[in-house]
Amino acid sequence: MRSKLTLIRWLRKAASYCLLLLGPLLPEPCSATSPPVITVQPLSQSVQILGSVTFTVGASSGTTMSYQWRKNGSSISGATQSAYTISPVQTTDAATYKVKVSNAGGSVTSSGATLTVLIPPTITTQPQNQTATLGGRATFSVVASGTAPLGYQWYFNGTALSGATSSALTVSNVQVTNSYGSFYVTVSNVAGTVYSASAALTVNVPPTITSQPQSQTVTLTPGQNVTFSVGTSGTTPLSYQWKFNGAALAGATNAVLQLNNIAATNAGSYTAVVTNVAGSATSAVATLTVLVLPAITTQPQSHTAVVGQSTSFSVAASGTAPLSYQWNFNSTTLSGATNATLTLSNPQLTDAGSYTVVVTNGAG
């Protein structure tokens, strides 16, 4: 009986070493412990930068198991539990994570779990103030970084602009109303939204002549003054330059042109050129007509004539043309005597007397 019991104990002990006894005869070595089985795979996750994330694995085994987490194939120091936590998450943590589960019977590696690190948008270049000419174009732009895709929405005075969903905003056909407010943009992604700084649009309006200088006619008299003026609108400051017969007048740089003590040489064409940062405008032509009173430069001379023998009187005069003449005899107007020369073809004794002439023009 003792021998029989001894044999049974020996057979039981030998069973655990069947590889030594039967190894050459078996296709695979036998083992008393099976490798672990993963029942729950780690899952891919997305997390915002500076947040926290935990990967976990579920495994079963009849014996004690050990764990080793790996990042992109490299073992992570200290990551030897069924769960692996990263906190705070950095951009360098974006990778594929796997875990190797081992026991006395072998090991098994999980499927890969991808960590995506979400970075909220950050504006690296703010939109800048712009200046444009009335009717022109202005472009605002923003540069932003963060997890793609980035979405954009531009606003004017707090109201979303339809279709303005790019990193650049172009305002076409700029009007003065575009200058009364601010433009800004929101940049968004899955991690959040950020607002840009506000940018202003300055609209420069070219000069417009609202009141034209008027033509004038004056009579040349001592101390005579003449004033021309022009009315304008447009972005200030406005500068002025008056021209006389196309040539710039020195010092004539105001909206009003004052001509003092005019002379006949002041007669001509006057224009004003108005300029600002957006352009220039030229007024209509204003004509100054200076009327010069007639002046007799050569007086008629007295004559002694023979009855029936032709004789004549003449006068020379200056002044603004046309000049008209009217001869008088003894203060009585002579019909038809309207030239600078008065000819008496057949003088008689009754023609003897006093002859004068009146010279007239538009001035007097």
Protein backbone atom coordinates (compact mmCIF):
# COMPACT_ATOMS: atom_id res chain seq x y z
CA MET A 1 0.00 0.00 0.00
CA ARG A 2 2.82 2.41 0.87
CA SER A 3 4.47 1.70 -2.46
CA LYS A 4 1.20 2.46 -4.28
CA LEU A 5 0.78 5.84 -2.57
CA THR A 6 4.34 6.75 -3.32
CA LEU A 7 3.75 6.01 -7.01
CA ILE A 8 0.66 8.27 -7.13
CA ARG A 9 2.56 11.18 -5.57
CA TRP A 10 5.35 10.73 -8.03
CA LEU A 11 2.96 10.73 -11.00
CA ARG A 12 1.31 13.94 -9.83
CA LYS A 13 4.65 15.63 -9.49
CA ALA A 14 5.74 14.39 -12.87
CA ALA A 15 2.68 15.87 -14.53
CA SER A 16 4.07 19.36 -14.02
CA TYR A 17 7.22 18.34 -15.86
CA CYS A 18 5.54 16.69 -18.80
CA LEU A 19 7.71 18.75 -21.12
CA LEU A 20 10.79 16.95 -19.81
CA LEU A 21 9.15 13.55 -20.13
CA LEU A 22 7.23 13.95 -23.38
CA GLY A 23 8.84 16.97 -25.06
CA PRO A 24 10.24 15.12 -28.05
CA LEU A 25 6.85 13.55 -28.65
CA LEU A 26 4.55 16.67 -28.36
CA PRO A 27 3.97 19.34 -31.11
CA GLU A 28 3.98 22.19 -28.53
CA PRO A 29 5.24 22.45 -24.96
CA CYS A 30 2.52 22.23 -22.39
CA SER A 31 2.08 24.80 -19.60
CA ALA A 32 0.04 24.93 -16.52
CA THR A 33 -0.65 28.79 -17.00
CA SER A 34 -2.25 30.50 -20.07
CA PRO A 35 -1.25 34.00 -21.29
CA PRO A 36 -3.58 36.86 -20.29
CA VAL A 37 -6.54 37.81 -22.47
CA ILE A 38 -7.43 41.49 -23.11
CA THR A 39 -11.13 41.96 -22.54
CA VAL A 40 -11.32 45.77 -22.88
CA GLN A 41 -9.03 47.59 -25.32
CA PRO A 42 -7.77 51.14 -24.55
CA LEU A 43 -9.74 53.74 -26.50
CA SER A 44 -8.51 56.64 -28.64
CA GLN A 45 -9.22 60.04 -27.08
CA SER A 46 -9.12 63.76 -27.82
CA VAL A 47 -8.31 66.17 -25.01
CA GLN A 48 -7.57 69.88 -24.76
CA ILE A 49 -4.04 70.92 -24.02
CA LEU A 50 -3.31 71.19 -20.27
CA GLY A 51 -6.22 68.84 -19.60
CA SER A 52 -6.11 65.28 -18.26
CA VAL A 53 -6.56 61.93 -19.97
CA THR A 54 -6.57 58.31 -18.78
CA PHE A 55 -6.13 55.17 -20.86
CA THR A 56 -7.33 51.87 -19.35
CA VAL A 57 -7.14 48.24 -20.34
CA GLY A 58 -9.17 45.27 -19.15
CA ALA A 59 -7.51 41.84 -19.04
CA SER A 60 -8.19 38.41 -17.49
CA SER A 61 -5.82 35.76 -16.31
CA GLY A 62 -5.70 33.00 -13.76
CA THR A 63 -2.56 34.46 -12.24
CA THR A 64 -1.08 37.81 -11.35
CA MET A 65 -0.59 40.15 -14.33
CA SER A 66 1.90 42.95 -14.97
CA TYR A 67 1.49 45.95 -17.28
CA GLN A 68 3.81 48.09 -19.36
CA TRP A 69 2.45 51.05 -21.33
CA ARG A 70 4.23 52.20 -24.45
CA LYS A 71 4.20 55.49 -26.40
CA ASN A 72 4.83 55.12 -30.11
CA GLY A 73 6.51 51.78 -29.34
CA SER A 74 8.76 53.02 -26.52
CA SER A 75 8.19 51.96 -22.93
CA ILE A 76 6.96 54.67 -20.57
CA SER A 77 8.83 54.76 -17.30
CA GLY A 78 6.57 54.00 -14.32
CA ALA A 79 3.51 53.25 -16.47
CA THR A 80 2.93 49.76 -15.03
CA GLN A 81 -0.72 49.77 -14.02
CA SER A 82 -3.90 48.84 -15.87
CA ALA A 83 -4.60 52.56 -16.21
CA TYR A 84 -2.25 55.27 -17.45
CA THR A 85 -3.01 58.94 -16.76
CA ILE A 86 -1.40 62.00 -18.40
CA SER A 87 -1.86 65.35 -16.67
CA PRO A 88 -1.41 68.08 -17.71
CA VAL A 89 -1.52 67.09 -21.37
CA GLN A 90 1.07 68.75 -23.63
CA THR A 91 1.35 68.83 -27.41
CA THR A 92 4.24 66.36 -27.18
CA ASP A 93 1.86 63.81 -25.67
CA ALA A 94 0.03 63.35 -28.96
CA ALA A 95 0.92 59.77 -29.95
CA THR A 96 -0.29 56.17 -30.14
CA TYR A 97 -0.41 54.28 -26.85
CA LYS A 98 -0.38 50.48 -26.31
CA VAL A 99 -0.03 48.30 -23.22
CA LYS A 100 1.69 44.95 -22.85
CA VAL A 101 -0.01 42.65 -20.34
CA SER A 102 2.10 39.76 -19.02
CA ASN A 103 1.80 36.82 -16.62
CA ALA A 104 3.73 33.62 -15.99
CA GLY A 105 2.19 32.07 -19.06
CA GLY A 106 3.14 34.81 -21.54
CA SER A 107 2.07 38.28 -22.69
CA VAL A 108 -0.31 40.06 -25.01
CA THR A 109 -0.21 43.63 -26.43
CA SER A 110 -3.31 45.79 -26.78
CA SER A 111 -4.41 47.58 -29.88
CA GLY A 112 -3.19 51.16 -30.29
CA ALA A 113 -5.12 54.09 -28.80
CA THR A 114 -4.46 57.48 -30.35
CA LEU A 115 -4.27 60.62 -28.23
CA THR A 116 -5.19 63.80 -30.11
CA VAL A 117 -4.23 67.01 -28.31
CA LEU A 118 -6.64 69.83 -29.07
CA ILE A 119 -5.15 73.33 -29.06
CA PRO A 120 -7.58 76.26 -28.77
CA PRO A 121 -7.16 78.99 -31.40
CA THR A 122 -4.65 81.72 -30.70
CA ILE A 123 -4.38 84.94 -32.72
CA THR A 124 -0.75 85.57 -33.60
CA THR A 125 -1.32 88.60 -35.85
CA GLN A 126 -4.21 90.95 -35.10
CA PRO A 127 -6.17 92.82 -37.81
CA GLN A 128 -4.74 96.29 -38.39
CA ASN A 129 -6.42 99.66 -38.93
CA GLN A 130 -6.92 100.43 -42.61
CA THR A 131 -7.31 103.57 -44.73
CA ALA A 132 -9.07 103.59 -48.10
CA THR A 133 -10.38 106.11 -50.59
CA LEU A 134 -14.12 106.46 -51.09
CA GLY A 135 -15.25 103.77 -53.54
CA GLY A 136 -11.99 101.84 -53.18
CA ARG A 137 -11.14 98.60 -51.36
CA ALA A 138 -9.82 97.76 -47.92
CA THR A 139 -8.59 94.39 -46.63
CA PHE A 140 -8.38 93.22 -43.03
CA SER A 141 -6.58 89.99 -42.15
CA VAL A 142 -5.81 87.84 -39.13
CA VAL A 143 -3.26 85.10 -38.53
CA ALA A 144 -4.21 82.37 -36.06
CA SER A 145 -2.88 79.04 -34.86
CA GLY A 146 -4.52 76.05 -33.19
CA THR A 147 -5.95 72.66 -34.01
CA ALA A 148 -7.28 72.59 -37.58
CA PRO A 149 -9.74 73.25 -39.01
CA LEU A 150 -10.06 76.87 -37.94
CA GLY A 151 -13.31 78.73 -38.62
CA TYR A 152 -13.59 82.50 -39.06
CA GLN A 153 -16.45 84.98 -38.75
CA TRP A 154 -15.98 88.72 -39.29
CA TYR A 155 -18.14 91.34 -37.60
CA PHE A 156 -18.81 95.04 -38.13
CA ASN A 157 -20.09 96.91 -35.10
CA GLY A 158 -21.10 93.61 -33.52
CA THR A 159 -23.09 92.33 -36.49
CA ALA A 160 -21.88 89.24 -38.34
CA LEU A 161 -21.01 89.95 -41.97
CA SER A 162 -22.63 87.46 -44.33
CA GLY A 163 -20.09 85.28 -46.15
CA ALA A 164 -17.14 86.80 -44.25
CA THR A 165 -15.72 83.47 -43.13
CA SER A 166 -12.09 83.56 -44.23
CA SER A 167 -8.94 84.76 -42.53
CA ALA A 168 -9.08 87.91 -44.69
CA LEU A 169 -11.96 90.34 -45.15
CA THR A 170 -12.11 92.62 -48.20
CA VAL A 171 -14.48 95.57 -48.16
CA SER A 172 -15.27 96.68 -51.71
CA ASN A 173 -16.74 100.02 -52.81
CA VAL A 174 -15.84 101.61 -49.48
CA GLN A 175 -18.31 104.22 -48.26
CA VAL A 176 -18.16 106.82 -45.51
CA THR A 177 -20.50 104.69 -43.37
CA ASN A 178 -17.80 102.01 -43.21
CA SER A 179 -15.66 104.37 -41.15
CA TYR A 180 -18.17 104.68 -38.32
CA GLY A 181 -17.35 101.50 -36.43
CA SER A 182 -14.97 98.62 -35.89
CA PHE A 183 -14.17 95.35 -37.60
CA TYR A 184 -13.17 92.22 -35.69
CA VAL A 185 -13.13 88.45 -36.22
CA THR A 186 -13.77 85.35 -34.14
CA VAL A 187 -11.58 82.29 -34.71
CA SER A 188 -13.02 78.92 -33.64
CA ASN A 189 -12.14 75.24 -33.58
CA VAL A 190 -13.21 72.17 -31.60
CA ALA A 191 -11.29 73.46 -28.59
CA GLY A 192 -12.82 76.93 -28.32
CA THR A 193 -13.26 80.44 -29.72
CA VAL A 194 -11.12 83.56 -29.51
CA TYR A 195 -11.96 87.19 -30.40
CA SER A 196 -9.52 89.43 -32.24
CA ALA A 197 -8.81 93.04 -31.43
CA SER A 198 -10.96 95.63 -33.21
CA ALA A 199 -9.65 97.45 -36.27
CA ALA A 200 -10.95 100.73 -37.70
CA LEU A 201 -11.44 101.73 -41.32
CA THR A 202 -10.73 105.36 -42.23
CA VAL A 203 -12.42 106.45 -45.45
CA ASN A 204 -10.77 109.36 -47.24
CA VAL A 205 -13.21 111.36 -49.37
CA PRO A 206 -11.70 113.21 -52.36
CA PRO A 207 -12.44 116.95 -52.58
CA THR A 208 -15.69 118.06 -54.14
CA ILE A 209 -16.43 121.60 -55.31
CA THR A 210 -19.73 122.55 -53.71
CA SER A 211 -19.69 126.23 -54.68
CA GLN A 212 -17.94 127.44 -57.82
CA PRO A 213 -16.14 130.81 -58.11
CA GLN A 214 -18.21 133.32 -60.09
CA SER A 215 -17.13 135.44 -63.05
CA GLN A 216 -17.01 139.18 -62.40
CA THR A 217 -16.88 142.43 -64.34
CA VAL A 218 -15.46 145.56 -62.70
CA THR A 219 -14.57 149.05 -63.79
CA LEU A 220 -10.98 150.06 -63.29
CA THR A 221 -10.90 152.64 -60.57
CA PRO A 222 -8.27 153.48 -57.97
CA GLY A 223 -8.30 151.04 -55.03
CA GLN A 224 -10.63 148.58 -56.74
CA ASN A 225 -10.62 145.09 -55.08
CA VAL A 226 -12.01 141.76 -56.31
CA THR A 227 -12.73 138.56 -54.36
CA PHE A 228 -13.17 135.02 -55.69
CA SER A 229 -14.18 132.14 -53.42
CA VAL A 230 -14.74 128.39 -53.69
CA GLY A 231 -16.82 126.04 -51.49
CA THR A 232 -15.57 122.49 -50.94
CA SER A 233 -16.14 119.27 -49.05
CA GLY A 234 -13.96 116.21 -48.47
CA THR A 235 -11.54 114.74 -45.95
CA THR A 236 -9.63 117.43 -44.15
CA PRO A 237 -7.16 118.99 -44.30
CA LEU A 238 -7.91 120.58 -47.66
CA SER A 239 -5.30 122.65 -49.46
CA TYR A 240 -5.95 125.28 -52.12
CA GLN A 241 -4.03 126.71 -55.06
CA TRP A 242 -5.47 129.45 -57.24
CA LYS A 243 -4.34 129.78 -60.83
CA PHE A 244 -4.46 132.72 -63.23
CA ASN A 245 -4.63 131.82 -66.91
CA GLY A 246 -3.35 128.36 -65.94
CA ALA A 247 -0.34 129.51 -63.89
CA ALA A 248 -0.18 129.14 -60.11
CA LEU A 249 -0.52 132.41 -58.18
CA ALA A 250 2.13 132.77 -55.48
CA GLY A 251 0.62 132.77 -51.99
CA ALA A 252 -2.93 132.16 -53.26
CA THR A 253 -3.54 129.10 -51.06
CA ASN A 254 -6.85 129.79 -49.32
CA ALA A 255 -10.47 129.11 -50.18
CA VAL A 256 -10.81 132.87 -50.85
CA LEU A 257 -8.70 134.79 -53.39
CA GLN A 258 -8.42 138.50 -52.71
CA LEU A 259 -7.15 140.76 -55.51
CA ASN A 260 -6.35 144.26 -54.26
CA ASN A 261 -5.83 147.41 -56.32
CA ILE A 262 -6.54 145.60 -59.54
CA ALA A 263 -5.14 146.67 -62.86
CA ALA A 264 -6.14 145.92 -66.40
CA THR A 265 -3.54 143.12 -66.35
CA ASN A 266 -5.65 141.27 -63.75
CA ALA A 267 -8.27 140.51 -66.39
CA GLY A 268 -8.31 136.82 -67.29
CA SER A 269 -9.33 133.33 -66.14
CA TYR A 270 -9.16 132.15 -62.52
CA THR A 271 -9.47 128.57 -61.22
CA ALA A 272 -8.94 126.91 -57.84
CA VAL A 273 -7.34 123.47 -57.38
CA VAL A 274 -8.39 121.76 -54.12
CA THR A 275 -6.32 118.83 -52.83
CA ASN A 276 -6.36 116.33 -49.96
CA VAL A 277 -4.94 112.85 -49.26
CA ALA A 278 -7.55 111.26 -51.51
CA GLY A 279 -7.10 113.37 -54.63
CA SER A 280 -7.83 116.77 -56.11
CA ALA A 281 -10.58 118.74 -57.81
CA THR A 282 -10.40 121.80 -60.07
CA SER A 283 -13.09 124.46 -60.02
CA ALA A 284 -14.87 125.91 -63.01
CA VAL A 285 -13.24 128.91 -64.68
CA ALA A 286 -14.20 132.30 -63.33
CA THR A 287 -13.47 135.20 -65.67
CA LEU A 288 -12.49 138.63 -64.45
CA THR A 289 -13.32 141.37 -66.92
CA VAL A 290 -11.72 144.73 -66.12
CA LEU A 291 -13.37 147.63 -67.88
CA VAL A 292 -11.12 150.66 -68.52
CA LEU A 293 -12.85 154.01 -68.89
CA PRO A 294 -12.26 155.75 -72.20
CA ALA A 295 -9.44 158.27 -72.28
CA ILE A 296 -8.82 160.75 -75.11
CA THR A 297 -5.20 160.54 -76.08
CA THR A 298 -5.35 163.02 -78.99
CA GLN A 299 -7.82 165.88 -78.91
CA PRO A 300 -9.56 167.20 -82.04
CA GLN A 301 -7.86 170.37 -83.39
CA SER A 302 -9.48 173.64 -84.47
CA HIS A 303 -9.63 174.34 -88.22
CA THR A 304 -10.07 177.30 -90.57
CA ALA A 305 -11.76 176.26 -93.76
CA VAL A 306 -12.73 177.83 -97.06
CA VAL A 307 -16.43 177.71 -97.91
CA GLY A 308 -17.09 174.58 -99.96
CA GLN A 309 -13.64 173.11 -99.25
CA SER A 310 -13.70 169.75 -97.39
CA THR A 311 -12.24 169.62 -93.87
CA SER A 312 -12.24 167.09 -90.98
CA PHE A 313 -11.82 166.67 -87.23
CA SER A 314 -10.39 163.55 -85.56
CA VAL A 315 -9.90 162.16 -82.09
CA ALA A 316 -7.75 159.33 -80.66
CA ALA A 317 -8.94 157.47 -77.57
CA SER A 318 -8.03 154.48 -75.42
CA GLY A 319 -10.07 152.23 -73.14
CA THR A 320 -11.86 148.89 -73.17
CA ALA A 321 -13.13 148.09 -76.63
CA PRO A 322 -15.44 148.57 -78.29
CA LEU A 323 -15.30 152.35 -78.26
CA SER A 324 -18.18 154.32 -79.74
CA TYR A 325 -18.13 157.96 -80.88
CA GLN A 326 -20.68 160.72 -81.12
CA TRP A 327 -19.83 164.14 -82.56
CA ASN A 328 -21.69 167.26 -81.53
CA PHE A 329 -21.96 170.70 -83.12
CA ASN A 330 -22.58 173.56 -80.74
CA SER A 331 -23.75 170.91 -78.25
CA THR A 332 -26.20 169.46 -80.72
CA THR A 333 -25.81 165.84 -81.71
CA LEU A 334 -24.79 165.36 -85.32
CA SER A 335 -26.75 162.54 -86.89
CA GLY A 336 -24.55 159.74 -88.24
CA ALA A 337 -21.35 161.30 -86.89
CA THR A 338 -20.23 158.16 -85.01
CA ASN A 339 -16.64 157.59 -86.07
CA ALA A 340 -13.31 158.75 -84.69
CA THR A 341 -13.12 161.18 -87.63
CA LEU A 342 -15.75 163.77 -88.59
CA THR A 343 -15.55 164.99 -92.20
CA LEU A 344 -17.32 168.16 -93.43
CA SER A 345 -17.49 167.68 -97.22
CA ASN A 346 -18.97 171.06 -98.23
CA PRO A 347 -18.70 173.42 -95.28
CA GLN A 348 -20.79 176.59 -95.33
CA LEU A 349 -20.79 179.65 -93.15
CA THR A 350 -23.48 177.96 -91.04
CA ASP A 351 -21.02 175.11 -90.19
CA ALA A 352 -18.73 177.48 -88.36
CA GLY A 353 -18.87 176.77 -84.63
CA SER A 354 -17.74 174.45 -81.83
CA TYR A 355 -17.26 170.69 -82.42
CA THR A 356 -16.84 168.10 -79.64
CA VAL A 357 -16.92 164.32 -79.50
CA VAL A 358 -18.09 161.95 -76.76
CA VAL A 359 -16.21 158.63 -76.56
CA THR A 360 -18.07 155.78 -74.80
CA ASN A 361 -17.51 152.14 -73.83
CA GLY A 362 -18.96 149.68 -71.30
CA ALA A 363 -17.22 151.47 -68.44
CA GLY A 364 -18.54 154.99 -69.19
